[in-house]
Amino acid sequence: MQLINIGFGNIVSADRIISIVSPESAPIKRIVQEAKDSKMAIDATYGRRTRSVIIMDSGHIILSAVQPETVASRVDNDDDEDEEE
């Protein structure tokens, strides 16, 4: 099981991530609002601006203050380290 740092010491399982997206588009804003209404949103921004939305296979939506590219590169870096072992 790979764990990925999504900022401020918060960690998620890389195996359960479906998508990492930017929160700017209207459909993503709608998904986030629906997740908040149904108590399926996890806010890991520590009061900062949401820069990425992580969609999990359980239906949970995680809000992060880290750029989507940064989170994706952390997933890729952990994959590379596992292959070396």
PDB file of N, CA and C in Angstrom:
ATOM      1  N   MET A   1       0.849  -1.183   0.000  1.00  0.00           N
ATOM      2  CA  MET A   1       0.000   0.000   0.000  1.00  0.00           C
ATOM      3  C   MET A   1       0.887   1.236   0.000  1.00  0.00           C
ATOM      4  N   GLN A   2       0.641   2.125  -0.972  1.00  0.00           N
ATOM      5  CA  GLN A   2       1.397   3.366  -1.056  1.00  0.00           C
ATOM      6  C   GLN A   2       0.615   4.489  -0.396  1.00  0.00           C
ATOM      7  N   LEU A   3       1.306   5.307   0.373  1.00  0.00           N
ATOM      8  CA  LEU A   3       0.697   6.482   0.990  1.00  0.00           C
ATOM      9  C   LEU A   3       1.310   7.723   0.377  1.00  0.00           C
ATOM     10  N   ILE A   4       0.472   8.696   0.047  1.00  0.00           N
ATOM     11  CA  ILE A   4       0.900   9.916  -0.622  1.00  0.00           C
ATOM     12  C   ILE A   4       0.593  11.106   0.268  1.00  0.00           C
ATOM     13  N   ASN A   5       1.589  11.984   0.449  1.00  0.00           N
ATOM     14  CA  ASN A   5       1.408  13.210   1.213  1.00  0.00           C
ATOM     15  C   ASN A   5       0.653  14.210   0.344  1.00  0.00           C
ATOM     16  N   ILE A   6      -0.488  14.698   0.849  1.00  0.00           N
ATOM     17  CA  ILE A   6      -1.276  15.670   0.095  1.00  0.00           C
ATOM     18  C   ILE A   6      -1.180  17.059   0.712  1.00  0.00           C
ATOM     19  N   GLY A   7      -0.211  17.255   1.585  1.00  0.00           N
ATOM     20  CA  GLY A   7       0.011  18.564   2.179  1.00  0.00           C
ATOM     21  C   GLY A   7      -0.302  18.608   3.650  1.00  0.00           C
ATOM     22  N   PHE A   8       0.517  19.358   4.391  1.00  0.00           N
ATOM     23  CA  PHE A   8       0.333  19.589   5.823  1.00  0.00           C
ATOM     24  C   PHE A   8       0.293  18.299   6.633  1.00  0.00           C
ATOM     25  N   GLY A   9       1.039  17.306   6.199  1.00  0.00           N
ATOM     26  CA  GLY A   9       1.119  16.052   6.927  1.00  0.00           C
ATOM     27  C   GLY A   9      -0.049  15.116   6.701  1.00  0.00           C
ATOM     28  N   ASN A  10      -0.950  15.462   5.800  1.00  0.00           N
ATOM     29  CA  ASN A  10      -2.090  14.604   5.489  1.00  0.00           C
ATOM     30  C   ASN A  10      -1.678  13.595   4.423  1.00  0.00           C
ATOM     31  N   ILE A  11      -2.102  12.362   4.614  1.00  0.00           N
ATOM     32  CA  ILE A  11      -1.671  11.272   3.754  1.00  0.00           C
ATOM     33  C   ILE A  11      -2.894  10.478   3.298  1.00  0.00           C
ATOM     34  N   VAL A  12      -2.894  10.089   2.016  1.00  0.00           N
ATOM     35  CA  VAL A  12      -3.965   9.242   1.483  1.00  0.00           C
ATOM     36  C   VAL A  12      -3.347   8.029   0.795  1.00  0.00           C
ATOM     37  N   SER A  13      -4.140   7.008   0.641  1.00  0.00           N
ATOM     38  CA  SER A  13      -3.696   5.794  -0.035  1.00  0.00           C
ATOM     39  C   SER A  13      -3.723   6.015  -1.546  1.00  0.00           C
ATOM     40  N   ALA A  14      -2.586   5.861  -2.182  1.00  0.00           N
ATOM     41  CA  ALA A  14      -2.487   6.052  -3.636  1.00  0.00           C
ATOM     42  C   ALA A  14      -3.302   5.003  -4.385  1.00  0.00           C
ATOM     43  N   ASP A  15      -3.467   3.834  -3.804  1.00  0.00           N
ATOM     44  CA  ASP A  15      -4.206   2.754  -4.454  1.00  0.00           C
ATOM     45  C   ASP A  15      -5.694   3.066  -4.584  1.00  0.00           C
ATOM     46  N   ARG A  16      -6.198   3.981  -3.766  1.00  0.00           N
ATOM     47  CA  ARG A  16      -7.626   4.289  -3.749  1.00  0.00           C
ATOM     48  C   ARG A  16      -7.973   5.543  -4.544  1.00  0.00           C
ATOM     49  N   ILE A  17      -6.965   6.243  -5.084  1.00  0.00           N
ATOM     50  CA  ILE A  17      -7.204   7.470  -5.843  1.00  0.00           C
ATOM     51  C   ILE A  17      -7.705   7.127  -7.241  1.00  0.00           C
ATOM     52  N   ILE A  18      -8.815   7.748  -7.629  1.00  0.00           N
ATOM     53  CA  ILE A  18      -9.333   7.607  -8.984  1.00  0.00           C
ATOM     54  C   ILE A  18      -8.834   8.749  -9.848  1.00  0.00           C
ATOM     55  N   SER A  19      -8.906   9.979  -9.300  1.00  0.00           N
ATOM     56  CA  SER A  19      -8.580  11.146 -10.104  1.00  0.00           C
ATOM     57  C   SER A  19      -8.073  12.277  -9.221  1.00  0.00           C
ATOM     58  N   ILE A  20      -7.191  13.109  -9.798  1.00  0.00           N
ATOM     59  CA  ILE A  20      -6.703  14.319  -9.139  1.00  0.00           C
ATOM     60  C   ILE A  20      -6.985  15.453 -10.115  1.00  0.00           C
ATOM     61  N   VAL A  21      -7.875  16.380  -9.745  1.00  0.00           N
ATOM     62  CA  VAL A  21      -8.315  17.410 -10.672  1.00  0.00           C
ATOM     63  C   VAL A  21      -8.235  18.799 -10.041  1.00  0.00           C
ATOM     64  N   SER A  22      -8.267  19.795 -10.890  1.00  0.00           N
ATOM     65  CA  SER A  22      -8.308  21.185 -10.459  1.00  0.00           C
ATOM     66  C   SER A  22      -9.749  21.547 -10.086  1.00  0.00           C
ATOM     67  N   PRO A  23      -9.944  22.387  -9.083  1.00  0.00           N
ATOM     68  CA  PRO A  23     -11.298  22.714  -8.630  1.00  0.00           C
ATOM     69  C   PRO A  23     -11.963  23.857  -9.400  1.00  0.00           C
ATOM     70  N   GLU A  24     -11.399  24.287 -10.518  1.00  0.00           N
ATOM     71  CA  GLU A  24     -11.848  25.495 -11.198  1.00  0.00           C
ATOM     72  C   GLU A  24     -13.126  25.327 -12.029  1.00  0.00           C
ATOM     73  N   SER A  25     -13.363  24.160 -12.596  1.00  0.00           N
ATOM     74  CA  SER A  25     -14.500  24.020 -13.509  1.00  0.00           C
ATOM     75  C   SER A  25     -15.818  23.863 -12.749  1.00  0.00           C
ATOM     76  N   ALA A  26     -16.889  24.240 -13.419  1.00  0.00           N
ATOM     77  CA  ALA A  26     -18.216  24.156 -12.810  1.00  0.00           C
ATOM     78  C   ALA A  26     -18.611  22.724 -12.432  1.00  0.00           C
ATOM     79  N   PRO A  27     -18.339  21.709 -13.272  1.00  0.00           N
ATOM     80  CA  PRO A  27     -18.707  20.348 -12.869  1.00  0.00           C
ATOM     81  C   PRO A  27     -17.981  19.878 -11.605  1.00  0.00           C
ATOM     82  N   ILE A  28     -16.721  20.256 -11.466  1.00  0.00           N
ATOM     83  CA  ILE A  28     -15.972  19.858 -10.269  1.00  0.00           C
ATOM     84  C   ILE A  28     -16.506  20.608  -9.052  1.00  0.00           C
ATOM     85  N   LYS A  29     -16.828  21.873  -9.210  1.00  0.00           N
ATOM     86  CA  LYS A  29     -17.424  22.638  -8.104  1.00  0.00           C
ATOM     87  C   LYS A  29     -18.733  21.991  -7.659  1.00  0.00           C
ATOM     88  N   ARG A  30     -19.504  21.508  -8.633  1.00  0.00           N
ATOM     89  CA  ARG A  30     -20.762  20.842  -8.322  1.00  0.00           C
ATOM     90  C   ARG A  30     -20.520  19.536  -7.564  1.00  0.00           C
ATOM     91  N   ILE A  31     -19.523  18.765  -8.003  1.00  0.00           N
ATOM     92  CA  ILE A  31     -19.168  17.512  -7.324  1.00  0.00           C
ATOM     93  C   ILE A  31     -18.743  17.783  -5.881  1.00  0.00           C
ATOM     94  N   VAL A  32     -17.934  18.817  -5.691  1.00  0.00           N
ATOM     95  CA  VAL A  32     -17.464  19.170  -4.341  1.00  0.00           C
ATOM     96  C   VAL A  32     -18.643  19.574  -3.466  1.00  0.00           C
ATOM     97  N   GLN A  33     -19.547  20.396  -3.984  1.00  0.00           N
ATOM     98  CA  GLN A  33     -20.701  20.831  -3.194  1.00  0.00           C
ATOM     99  C   GLN A  33     -21.599  19.661  -2.828  1.00  0.00           C
ATOM    100  N   GLU A  34     -21.809  18.751  -3.769  1.00  0.00           N
ATOM    101  CA  GLU A  34     -22.624  17.570  -3.477  1.00  0.00           C
ATOM    102  C   GLU A  34     -21.967  16.698  -2.411  1.00  0.00           C
ATOM    103  N   ALA A  35     -20.636  16.576  -2.467  1.00  0.00           N
ATOM    104  CA  ALA A  35     -19.915  15.787  -1.471  1.00  0.00           C
ATOM    105  C   ALA A  35     -20.013  16.446  -0.090  1.00  0.00           C
ATOM    106  N   LYS A  36     -19.927  17.772  -0.059  1.00  0.00           N
ATOM    107  CA  LYS A  36     -20.074  18.476   1.222  1.00  0.00           C
ATOM    108  C   LYS A  36     -21.469  18.275   1.792  1.00  0.00           C
ATOM    109  N   ASP A  37     -22.487  18.364   0.942  1.00  0.00           N
ATOM    110  CA  ASP A  37     -23.870  18.195   1.390  1.00  0.00           C
ATOM    111  C   ASP A  37     -24.126  16.791   1.930  1.00  0.00           C
ATOM    112  N   SER A  38     -23.484  15.790   1.328  1.00  0.00           N
ATOM    113  CA  SER A  38     -23.701  14.408   1.759  1.00  0.00           C
ATOM    114  C   SER A  38     -22.640  13.927   2.754  1.00  0.00           C
ATOM    115  N   LYS A  39     -21.836  14.856   3.256  1.00  0.00           N
ATOM    116  CA  LYS A  39     -20.799  14.554   4.268  1.00  0.00           C
ATOM    117  C   LYS A  39     -19.747  13.568   3.755  1.00  0.00           C
ATOM    118  N   MET A  40     -19.439  13.648   2.456  1.00  0.00           N
ATOM    119  CA  MET A  40     -18.421  12.783   1.848  1.00  0.00           C
ATOM    120  C   MET A  40     -17.159  13.564   1.479  1.00  0.00           C
ATOM    121  N   ALA A  41     -17.108  14.846   1.873  1.00  0.00           N
ATOM    122  CA  ALA A  41     -15.950  15.687   1.560  1.00  0.00           C
ATOM    123  C   ALA A  41     -15.023  15.744   2.771  1.00  0.00           C
ATOM    124  N   ILE A  42     -13.738  15.661   2.504  1.00  0.00           N
ATOM    125  CA  ILE A  42     -12.712  15.774   3.538  1.00  0.00           C
ATOM    126  C   ILE A  42     -11.858  16.980   3.180  1.00  0.00           C
ATOM    127  N   ASP A  43     -11.876  17.997   4.039  1.00  0.00           N
ATOM    128  CA  ASP A  43     -11.137  19.228   3.783  1.00  0.00           C
ATOM    129  C   ASP A  43      -9.767  19.141   4.443  1.00  0.00           C
ATOM    130  N   ALA A  44      -8.729  18.992   3.618  1.00  0.00           N
ATOM    131  CA  ALA A  44      -7.356  18.896   4.121  1.00  0.00           C
ATOM    132  C   ALA A  44      -6.553  20.134   3.737  1.00  0.00           C
ATOM    133  N   THR A  45      -7.249  21.275   3.607  1.00  0.00           N
ATOM    134  CA  THR A  45      -6.584  22.506   3.171  1.00  0.00           C
ATOM    135  C   THR A  45      -6.058  23.350   4.323  1.00  0.00           C
ATOM    136  N   TYR A  46      -6.483  23.054   5.544  1.00  0.00           N
ATOM    137  CA  TYR A  46      -6.099  23.853   6.712  1.00  0.00           C
ATOM    138  C   TYR A  46      -6.427  25.325   6.518  1.00  0.00           C
ATOM    139  N   GLY A  47      -7.589  25.597   5.921  1.00  0.00           N
ATOM    140  CA  GLY A  47      -8.052  26.966   5.742  1.00  0.00           C
ATOM    141  C   GLY A  47      -7.468  27.690   4.547  1.00  0.00           C
ATOM    142  N   ARG A  48      -6.628  27.030   3.817  1.00  0.00           N
ATOM    143  CA  ARG A  48      -6.046  27.659   2.625  1.00  0.00           C
ATOM    144  C   ARG A  48      -6.917  27.401   1.404  1.00  0.00           C
ATOM    145  N   ARG A  49      -6.539  28.017   0.298  1.00  0.00           N
ATOM    146  CA  ARG A  49      -7.283  27.887  -0.949  1.00  0.00           C
ATOM    147  C   ARG A  49      -7.177  26.453  -1.478  1.00  0.00           C
ATOM    148  N   THR A  50      -8.296  25.918  -1.926  1.00  0.00           N
ATOM    149  CA  THR A  50      -8.300  24.574  -2.520  1.00  0.00           C
ATOM    150  C   THR A  50      -7.658  24.633  -3.894  1.00  0.00           C
ATOM    151  N   ARG A  51      -6.608  23.847  -4.080  1.00  0.00           N
ATOM    152  CA  ARG A  51      -5.917  23.827  -5.366  1.00  0.00           C
ATOM    153  C   ARG A  51      -6.084  22.504  -6.102  1.00  0.00           C
ATOM    154  N   SER A  52      -6.444  21.449  -5.375  1.00  0.00           N
ATOM    155  CA  SER A  52      -6.711  20.181  -6.045  1.00  0.00           C
ATOM    156  C   SER A  52      -7.832  19.433  -5.332  1.00  0.00           C
ATOM    157  N   VAL A  53      -8.553  18.673  -6.130  1.00  0.00           N
ATOM    158  CA  VAL A  53      -9.637  17.834  -5.628  1.00  0.00           C
ATOM    159  C   VAL A  53      -9.258  16.398  -5.964  1.00  0.00           C
ATOM    160  N   ILE A  54      -9.200  15.567  -4.925  1.00  0.00           N
ATOM    161  CA  ILE A  54      -8.817  14.169  -5.101  1.00  0.00           C
ATOM    162  C   ILE A  54     -10.081  13.323  -4.949  1.00  0.00           C
ATOM    163  N   ILE A  55     -10.398  12.579  -5.987  1.00  0.00           N
ATOM    164  CA  ILE A  55     -11.592  11.742  -5.988  1.00  0.00           C
ATOM    165  C   ILE A  55     -11.163  10.311  -5.673  1.00  0.00           C
ATOM    166  N   MET A  56     -11.753   9.745  -4.626  1.00  0.00           N
ATOM    167  CA  MET A  56     -11.390   8.415  -4.158  1.00  0.00           C
ATOM    168  C   MET A  56     -12.397   7.379  -4.650  1.00  0.00           C
ATOM    169  N   ASP A  57     -11.987   6.121  -4.661  1.00  0.00           N
ATOM    170  CA  ASP A  57     -12.873   5.057  -5.125  1.00  0.00           C
ATOM    171  C   ASP A  57     -14.034   4.785  -4.180  1.00  0.00           C
ATOM    172  N   SER A  58     -13.962   5.284  -2.956  1.00  0.00           N
ATOM    173  CA  SER A  58     -15.039   5.108  -1.979  1.00  0.00           C
ATOM    174  C   SER A  58     -16.138   6.151  -2.144  1.00  0.00           C
ATOM    175  N   GLY A  59     -15.921   7.118  -3.054  1.00  0.00           N
ATOM    176  CA  GLY A  59     -16.888   8.192  -3.237  1.00  0.00           C
ATOM    177  C   GLY A  59     -16.534   9.435  -2.449  1.00  0.00           C
ATOM    178  N   HIS A  60     -15.523   9.345  -1.612  1.00  0.00           N
ATOM    179  CA  HIS A  60     -15.076  10.517  -0.857  1.00  0.00           C
ATOM    180  C   HIS A  60     -14.340  11.481  -1.779  1.00  0.00           C
ATOM    181  N   ILE A  61     -14.451  12.762  -1.445  1.00  0.00           N
ATOM    182  CA  ILE A  61     -13.769  13.820  -2.161  1.00  0.00           C
ATOM    183  C   ILE A  61     -12.836  14.501  -1.161  1.00  0.00           C
ATOM    184  N   ILE A  62     -11.552  14.587  -1.493  1.00  0.00           N
ATOM    185  CA  ILE A  62     -10.577  15.203  -0.609  1.00  0.00           C
ATOM    186  C   ILE A  62     -10.115  16.510  -1.230  1.00  0.00           C
ATOM    187  N   LEU A  63     -10.194  17.593  -0.448  1.00  0.00           N
ATOM    188  CA  LEU A  63      -9.750  18.906  -0.899  1.00  0.00           C
ATOM    189  C   LEU A  63      -8.347  19.145  -0.355  1.00  0.00           C
ATOM    190  N   SER A  64      -7.434  19.548  -1.236  1.00  0.00           N
ATOM    191  CA  SER A  64      -6.042  19.750  -0.853  1.00  0.00           C
ATOM    192  C   SER A  64      -5.566  21.127  -1.308  1.00  0.00           C
ATOM    193  N   ALA A  65      -4.634  21.715  -0.560  1.00  0.00           N
ATOM    194  CA  ALA A  65      -4.052  23.008  -0.902  1.00  0.00           C
ATOM    195  C   ALA A  65      -2.820  22.847  -1.783  1.00  0.00           C
ATOM    196  N   VAL A  66      -2.532  21.635  -2.217  1.00  0.00           N
ATOM    197  CA  VAL A  66      -1.375  21.349  -3.067  1.00  0.00           C
ATOM    198  C   VAL A  66      -1.848  21.244  -4.516  1.00  0.00           C
ATOM    199  N   GLN A  67      -1.043  21.733  -5.445  1.00  0.00           N
ATOM    200  CA  GLN A  67      -1.379  21.690  -6.869  1.00  0.00           C
ATOM    201  C   GLN A  67      -1.567  20.239  -7.334  1.00  0.00           C
ATOM    202  N   PRO A  68      -2.495  20.002  -8.277  1.00  0.00           N
ATOM    203  CA  PRO A  68      -2.705  18.640  -8.795  1.00  0.00           C
ATOM    204  C   PRO A  68      -1.433  18.027  -9.376  1.00  0.00           C
ATOM    205  N   GLU A  69      -0.626  18.840 -10.051  1.00  0.00           N
ATOM    206  CA  GLU A  69       0.615  18.341 -10.643  1.00  0.00           C
ATOM    207  C   GLU A  69       1.578  17.829  -9.573  1.00  0.00           C
ATOM    208  N   THR A  70       1.601  18.523  -8.433  1.00  0.00           N
ATOM    209  CA  THR A  70       2.484  18.124  -7.336  1.00  0.00           C
ATOM    210  C   THR A  70       2.045  16.790  -6.750  1.00  0.00           C
ATOM    211  N   VAL A  71       0.747  16.637  -6.523  1.00  0.00           N
ATOM    212  CA  VAL A  71       0.224  15.378  -5.986  1.00  0.00           C
ATOM    213  C   VAL A  71       0.501  14.243  -6.972  1.00  0.00           C
ATOM    214  N   ALA A  72       0.262  14.498  -8.254  1.00  0.00           N
ATOM    215  CA  ALA A  72       0.490  13.463  -9.268  1.00  0.00           C
ATOM    216  C   ALA A  72       1.959  13.069  -9.331  1.00  0.00           C
ATOM    217  N   SER A  73       2.848  14.039  -9.206  1.00  0.00           N
ATOM    218  CA  SER A  73       4.280  13.705  -9.246  1.00  0.00           C
ATOM    219  C   SER A  73       4.685  12.899  -8.022  1.00  0.00           C
ATOM    220  N   ARG A  74       4.043  13.148  -6.886  1.00  0.00           N
ATOM    221  CA  ARG A  74       4.330  12.349  -5.689  1.00  0.00           C
ATOM    222  C   ARG A  74       3.872  10.912  -5.875  1.00  0.00           C
ATOM    223  N   VAL A  75       2.760  10.728  -6.552  1.00  0.00           N
ATOM    224  CA  VAL A  75       2.289   9.369  -6.852  1.00  0.00           C
ATOM    225  C   VAL A  75       3.295   8.691  -7.778  1.00  0.00           C
ATOM    226  N   ASP A  76       3.734   9.402  -8.822  1.00  0.00           N
ATOM    227  CA  ASP A  76       4.707   8.849  -9.769  1.00  0.00           C
ATOM    228  C   ASP A  76       6.030   8.538  -9.094  1.00  0.00           C
ATOM    229  N   ASN A  77       6.510   9.431  -8.218  1.00  0.00           N
ATOM    230  CA  ASN A  77       7.777   9.200  -7.528  1.00  0.00           C
ATOM    231  C   ASN A  77       7.721   7.970  -6.643  1.00  0.00           C
ATOM    232  N   ASP A  78       6.590   7.761  -5.981  1.00  0.00           N
ATOM    233  CA  ASP A  78       6.473   6.565  -5.139  1.00  0.00           C
ATOM    234  C   ASP A  78       6.425   5.312  -5.992  1.00  0.00           C
ATOM    235  N   ASP A  79       5.806   5.372  -7.174  1.00  0.00           N
ATOM    236  CA  ASP A  79       5.802   4.221  -8.080  1.00  0.00           C
ATOM    237  C   ASP A  79       7.214   3.875  -8.505  1.00  0.00           C
ATOM    238  N   ASP A  80       8.028   4.887  -8.828  1.00  0.00           N
ATOM    239  CA  ASP A  80       9.414   4.676  -9.251  1.00  0.00           C
ATOM    240  C   ASP A  80      10.241   4.051  -8.137  1.00  0.00           C
ATOM    241  N   GLU A  81      10.024   4.511  -6.892  1.00  0.00           N
ATOM    242  CA  GLU A  81      10.784   3.958  -5.767  1.00  0.00           C
ATOM    243  C   GLU A  81      10.431   2.503  -5.532  1.00  0.00           C
ATOM    244  N   ASP A  82       9.163   2.132  -5.705  1.00  0.00           N
ATOM    245  CA  ASP A  82       8.742   0.746  -5.507  1.00  0.00           C
ATOM    246  C   ASP A  82       9.365  -0.165  -6.559  1.00  0.00           C
ATOM    247  N   GLU A  83       9.498   0.327  -7.790  1.00  0.00           N
ATOM    248  CA  GLU A  83      10.097  -0.481  -8.849  1.00  0.00           C
ATOM    249  C   GLU A  83      11.578  -0.729  -8.587  1.00  0.00           C
ATOM    250  N   GLU A  84      12.258   0.224  -7.952  1.00  0.00           N
ATOM    251  CA  GLU A  84      13.680   0.059  -7.662  1.00  0.00           C
ATOM    252  C   GLU A  84      13.935  -0.991  -6.588  1.00  0.00           C
ATOM    253  N   GLU A  85      12.975  -1.136  -5.673  1.00  0.00           N
ATOM    254  CA  GLU A  85      13.129  -2.092  -4.586  1.00  0.00           C
ATOM    255  C   GLU A  85      12.916  -3.452  -5.106  1.00  0.00           C
TER     256      GLU A  85
END
